[in-house]
C-alpha atoms as a PDB file:
ATOM      1  CA  UNK A   1      -9.609   5.055  22.306  1.00  0.00           C
ATOM      2  CA  UNK A   2      -6.261   4.926  24.288  1.00  0.00           C
ATOM      3  CA  UNK A   3      -4.611   7.914  26.340  1.00  0.00           C
ATOM      4  CA  UNK A   4      -2.121   9.768  24.871  1.00  0.00           C
ATOM      5  CA  UNK A   5       0.596   8.449  26.819  1.00  0.00           C
ATOM      6  CA  UNK A   6      -0.155   5.382  25.074  1.00  0.00           C
ATOM      7  CA  UNK A   7      -0.392   6.172  21.550  1.00  0.00           C
ATOM      8  CA  UNK A   8       3.294   7.979  22.283  1.00  0.00           C
ATOM      9  CA  UNK A   9       4.552   4.587  23.907  1.00  0.00           C
ATOM     10  CA  UNK A  10       3.082   3.097  20.659  1.00  0.00           C
ATOM     11  CA  UNK A  11       4.811   5.614  18.548  1.00  0.00           C
ATOM     12  CA  UNK A  12       8.023   4.970  20.173  1.00  0.00           C
ATOM     13  CA  UNK A  13       7.731   1.581  19.801  1.00  0.00           C
ATOM     14  CA  UNK A  14       6.995   1.776  15.811  1.00  0.00           C
ATOM     15  CA  UNK A  15      10.310   4.231  15.711  1.00  0.00           C
ATOM     16  CA  UNK A  16      12.071   1.516  17.475  1.00  0.00           C
ATOM     17  CA  UNK A  17      10.894  -1.159  15.146  1.00  0.00           C
ATOM     18  CA  UNK A  18      11.725   1.077  12.187  1.00  0.00           C
ATOM     19  CA  UNK A  19      15.292   1.814  13.416  1.00  0.00           C
ATOM     20  CA  UNK A  20      15.580  -1.957  13.920  1.00  0.00           C
ATOM     21  CA  UNK A  21      14.456  -2.657  10.265  1.00  0.00           C
ATOM     22  CA  UNK A  22      17.337  -0.030   8.801  1.00  0.00           C
ATOM     23  CA  UNK A  23      19.799  -1.548  11.205  1.00  0.00           C
ATOM     24  CA  UNK A  24      18.845  -5.124   9.871  1.00  0.00           C
ATOM     25  CA  UNK A  25      19.507  -3.450   5.867  1.00  0.00           C
ATOM     26  CA  UNK A  26      22.476  -1.803   6.295  1.00  0.00           C
ATOM     27  CA  UNK A  27      24.204  -4.574   8.983  1.00  0.00           C
ATOM     28  CA  UNK A  28      22.970  -7.264   7.261  1.00  0.00           C
ATOM     29  CA  UNK A  29      24.743  -6.238   4.112  1.00  0.00           C
ATOM     30  CA  UNK A  30      27.879  -5.687   6.184  1.00  0.00           C
ATOM     31  CA  UNK A  31      27.427  -9.086   7.975  1.00  0.00           C
ATOM     32  CA  UNK A  32      27.299 -10.976   4.387  1.00  0.00           C
ATOM     33  CA  UNK A  33      30.303  -9.973   3.415  1.00  0.00           C
ATOM     34  CA  UNK A  34      32.140 -10.185   6.552  1.00  0.00           C
ATOM     35  CA  UNK A  35      30.409 -13.234   7.246  1.00  0.00           C
ATOM     36  CA  UNK A  36      31.454 -14.737   3.749  1.00  0.00           C
ATOM     37  CA  UNK A  37      34.999 -13.580   4.734  1.00  0.00           C
ATOM     38  CA  UNK A  38      35.040 -14.978   8.102  1.00  0.00           C
ATOM     39  CA  UNK A  39      33.144 -18.356   7.236  1.00  0.00           C
ATOM     40  CA  UNK A  40      29.858 -17.821   9.124  1.00  0.00           C
ATOM     41  CA  UNK A  41      27.765 -19.989   7.380  1.00  0.00           C
ATOM     42  CA  UNK A  42      24.464 -18.070   8.692  1.00  0.00           C
ATOM     43  CA  UNK A  43      24.903 -15.491   6.247  1.00  0.00           C
ATOM     44  CA  UNK A  44      24.400 -17.912   3.421  1.00  0.00           C
ATOM     45  CA  UNK A  45      21.157 -18.995   4.974  1.00  0.00           C
ATOM     46  CA  UNK A  46      18.102 -18.461   2.727  1.00  0.00           C
ATOM     47  CA  UNK A  47      15.901 -17.282   4.955  1.00  0.00           C
ATOM     48  CA  UNK A  48      17.914 -14.369   6.266  1.00  0.00           C
ATOM     49  CA  UNK A  49      19.350 -13.726   2.642  1.00  0.00           C
ATOM     50  CA  UNK A  50      15.367 -13.529   1.157  1.00  0.00           C
ATOM     51  CA  UNK A  51      14.356 -11.219   4.334  1.00  0.00           C
ATOM     52  CA  UNK A  52      17.219  -9.071   3.327  1.00  0.00           C
ATOM     53  CA  UNK A  53      16.749  -8.594  -0.074  1.00  0.00           C
ATOM     54  CA  UNK A  54      13.297  -8.115  -0.014  1.00  0.00           C
ATOM     55  CA  UNK A  55      13.484  -5.432   2.822  1.00  0.00           C
ATOM     56  CA  UNK A  56      15.793  -3.391   0.734  1.00  0.00           C
ATOM     57  CA  UNK A  57      13.845  -4.198  -2.640  1.00  0.00           C
ATOM     58  CA  UNK A  58      10.370  -3.191  -0.736  1.00  0.00           C
ATOM     59  CA  UNK A  59      12.288   0.193   0.356  1.00  0.00           C
ATOM     60  CA  UNK A  60      13.549   1.069  -3.287  1.00  0.00           C
ATOM     61  CA  UNK A  61      10.374   0.179  -4.772  1.00  0.00           C
ATOM     62  CA  UNK A  62       8.696   2.761  -2.321  1.00  0.00           C
ATOM     63  CA  UNK A  63      11.165   4.862  -3.055  1.00  0.00           C
ATOM     64  CA  UNK A  64      10.789   4.692  -7.195  1.00  0.00           C
ATOM     65  CA  UNK A  65       6.928   4.786  -6.507  1.00  0.00           C
ATOM     66  CA  UNK A  66       6.731   7.657  -4.096  1.00  0.00           C
ATOM     67  CA  UNK A  67       5.187   5.797  -1.640  1.00  0.00           C
ATOM     68  CA  UNK A  68       5.855   7.137   1.966  1.00  0.00           C
ATOM     69  CA  UNK A  69       7.300   4.144   4.375  1.00  0.00           C
ATOM     70  CA  UNK A  70       4.070   2.655   6.351  1.00  0.00           C
ATOM     71  CA  UNK A  71       5.784   2.611   9.277  1.00  0.00           C
ATOM     72  CA  UNK A  72       6.782   6.416   8.973  1.00  0.00           C
ATOM     73  CA  UNK A  73       2.587   6.977   8.454  1.00  0.00           C
ATOM     74  CA  UNK A  74       2.097   4.911  11.352  1.00  0.00           C
ATOM     75  CA  UNK A  75       4.428   6.915  13.551  1.00  0.00           C
ATOM     76  CA  UNK A  76       3.134  10.177  12.201  1.00  0.00           C
ATOM     77  CA  UNK A  77      -0.389   9.141  12.923  1.00  0.00           C
ATOM     78  CA  UNK A  78       0.384   7.531  16.698  1.00  0.00           C
ATOM     79  CA  UNK A  79       2.030  10.814  17.149  1.00  0.00           C
ATOM     80  CA  UNK A  80      -0.909  12.858  16.188  1.00  0.00           C
ATOM     81  CA  UNK A  81      -3.190  10.736  18.483  1.00  0.00           C
ATOM     82  CA  UNK A  82      -0.722  11.456  21.205  1.00  0.00           C
ATOM     83  CA  UNK A  83      -0.844  15.299  20.941  1.00  0.00           C
ATOM     84  CA  UNK A  84       2.641  15.353  20.609  1.00  0.00           C
ATOM     85  CA  UNK A  85       4.536  18.768  19.664  1.00  0.00           C
ATOM     86  CA  UNK A  86       7.617  18.645  17.763  1.00  0.00           C
ATOM     87  CA  UNK A  87       9.789  19.677  20.924  1.00  0.00           C
ATOM     88  CA  UNK A  88       7.816  17.319  23.255  1.00  0.00           C
ATOM     89  CA  UNK A  89      10.292  14.124  22.395  1.00  0.00           C
ATOM     90  CA  UNK A  90      12.311  12.299  24.712  1.00  0.00           C
ATOM     91  CA  UNK A  91      16.293  12.066  24.544  1.00  0.00           C
ATOM     92  CA  UNK A  92      16.504   8.619  22.975  1.00  0.00           C
ATOM     93  CA  UNK A  93      13.219   9.426  20.931  1.00  0.00           C
ATOM     94  CA  UNK A  94      15.302  12.670  19.428  1.00  0.00           C
ATOM     95  CA  UNK A  95      18.427  10.903  18.824  1.00  0.00           C
ATOM     96  CA  UNK A  96      16.674   7.786  16.905  1.00  0.00           C
ATOM     97  CA  UNK A  97      14.442  10.217  14.636  1.00  0.00           C
ATOM     98  CA  UNK A  98      17.662  12.021  13.883  1.00  0.00           C
ATOM     99  CA  UNK A  99      19.377   8.962  12.940  1.00  0.00           C
ATOM    100  CA  UNK A 100      16.277   7.578  10.833  1.00  0.00           C
ATOM    101  CA  UNK A 101      14.803  10.834   9.205  1.00  0.00           C
ATOM    102  CA  UNK A 102      17.391  12.657   6.958  1.00  0.00           C
ATOM    103  CA  UNK A 103      16.397  16.131   5.284  1.00  0.00           C
ATOM    104  CA  UNK A 104      16.863  15.713   1.325  1.00  0.00           C
ATOM    105  CA  UNK A 105      15.150  15.653  -1.633  1.00  0.00           C
ATOM    106  CA  UNK A 106      13.329  13.005  -2.815  1.00  0.00           C
ATOM    107  CA  UNK A 107      15.208  12.015  -5.733  1.00  0.00           C
ATOM    108  CA  UNK A 108      18.209  11.448  -3.405  1.00  0.00           C
ATOM    109  CA  UNK A 109      16.546   8.758  -1.357  1.00  0.00           C
ATOM    110  CA  UNK A 110      15.550   7.060  -4.602  1.00  0.00           C
ATOM    111  CA  UNK A 111      19.377   7.373  -5.735  1.00  0.00           C
ATOM    112  CA  UNK A 112      20.621   5.760  -2.463  1.00  0.00           C
ATOM    113  CA  UNK A 113      18.097   2.968  -1.979  1.00  0.00           C
ATOM    114  CA  UNK A 114      18.523   1.787  -5.454  1.00  0.00           C
ATOM    115  CA  UNK A 115      22.300   1.770  -5.188  1.00  0.00           C
ATOM    116  CA  UNK A 116      22.184   0.009  -1.866  1.00  0.00           C
ATOM    117  CA  UNK A 117      19.671  -2.344  -3.381  1.00  0.00           C
ATOM    118  CA  UNK A 118      22.326  -3.114  -6.362  1.00  0.00           C
ATOM    119  CA  UNK A 119      24.838  -3.696  -4.056  1.00  0.00           C
ATOM    120  CA  UNK A 120      22.675  -6.320  -2.423  1.00  0.00           C
ATOM    121  CA  UNK A 121      22.224  -7.775  -5.592  1.00  0.00           C
ATOM    122  CA  UNK A 122      25.662  -7.813  -5.803  1.00  0.00           C
ATOM    123  CA  UNK A 123      26.260  -9.796  -2.767  1.00  0.00           C
ATOM    124  CA  UNK A 124      23.798 -12.386  -4.209  1.00  0.00           C
ATOM    125  CA  UNK A 125      26.682 -12.807  -7.209  1.00  0.00           C
ATOM    126  CA  UNK A 126      29.606 -12.261  -4.810  1.00  0.00           C
ATOM    127  CA  UNK A 127      28.327 -14.476  -2.008  1.00  0.00           C
ATOM    128  CA  UNK A 128      25.647 -16.408  -2.957  1.00  0.00           C
ATOM    129  CA  UNK A 129      23.135 -18.354  -0.485  1.00  0.00           C
ATOM    130  CA  UNK A 130      23.519 -21.655   0.531  1.00  0.00           C
ATOM    131  CA  UNK A 131      27.765 -22.133  -0.508  1.00  0.00           C
ATOM    132  CA  UNK A 132      30.693 -21.808   2.032  1.00  0.00           C
ATOM    133  CA  UNK A 133      33.428 -19.119   1.071  1.00  0.00           C
ATOM    134  CA  UNK A 134      33.145 -16.494  -1.662  1.00  0.00           C
ATOM    135  CA  UNK A 135      31.829 -17.396  -4.989  1.00  0.00           C
ATOM    136  CA  UNK A 136      34.338 -18.482  -7.667  1.00  0.00           C
ATOM    137  CA  UNK A 137      35.484 -14.804  -8.550  1.00  0.00           C
ATOM    138  CA  UNK A 138      36.447 -14.128  -4.813  1.00  0.00           C
ATOM    139  CA  UNK A 139      38.181 -15.731  -2.300  1.00  0.00           C
ATOM    140  CA  UNK A 140      37.223 -19.619  -1.361  1.00  0.00           C
ATOM    141  CA  UNK A 141      37.432 -20.885   2.143  1.00  0.00           C
ATOM    142  CA  UNK A 142      36.190 -22.148   5.327  1.00  0.00           C
ATOM    143  CA  UNK A 143      36.451 -20.711   8.868  1.00  0.00           C
END
């Protein structure tokens, strides 16, 4: 349907999206705690918080169920369609893949994702959506 170059470009775009999702989950948690301390109101917005919680719960559920990430599956399929070999990656693509795809047993990812999801849920208690400052259990105040 498309040329191999088009499939490669699409695979690179999916890889970039995948990295963006990972950064949203990881940096989003840091932003929640930092933003509560600094008084940033947007970190308590329901849309942001529900999207953040939903993303990590989805990732953790996939790990528990042993289901491959749809972005990984799509990227792999696109790379197959592009007839890419392992060593035909560009510099940025190579480093993005090193950042994203770690070699570890499946149980390690289940543990990592579950622990991260637990910390995100802790953030809902410590920095509840819709209020300024930390919860009653921590520091209170505004910027």
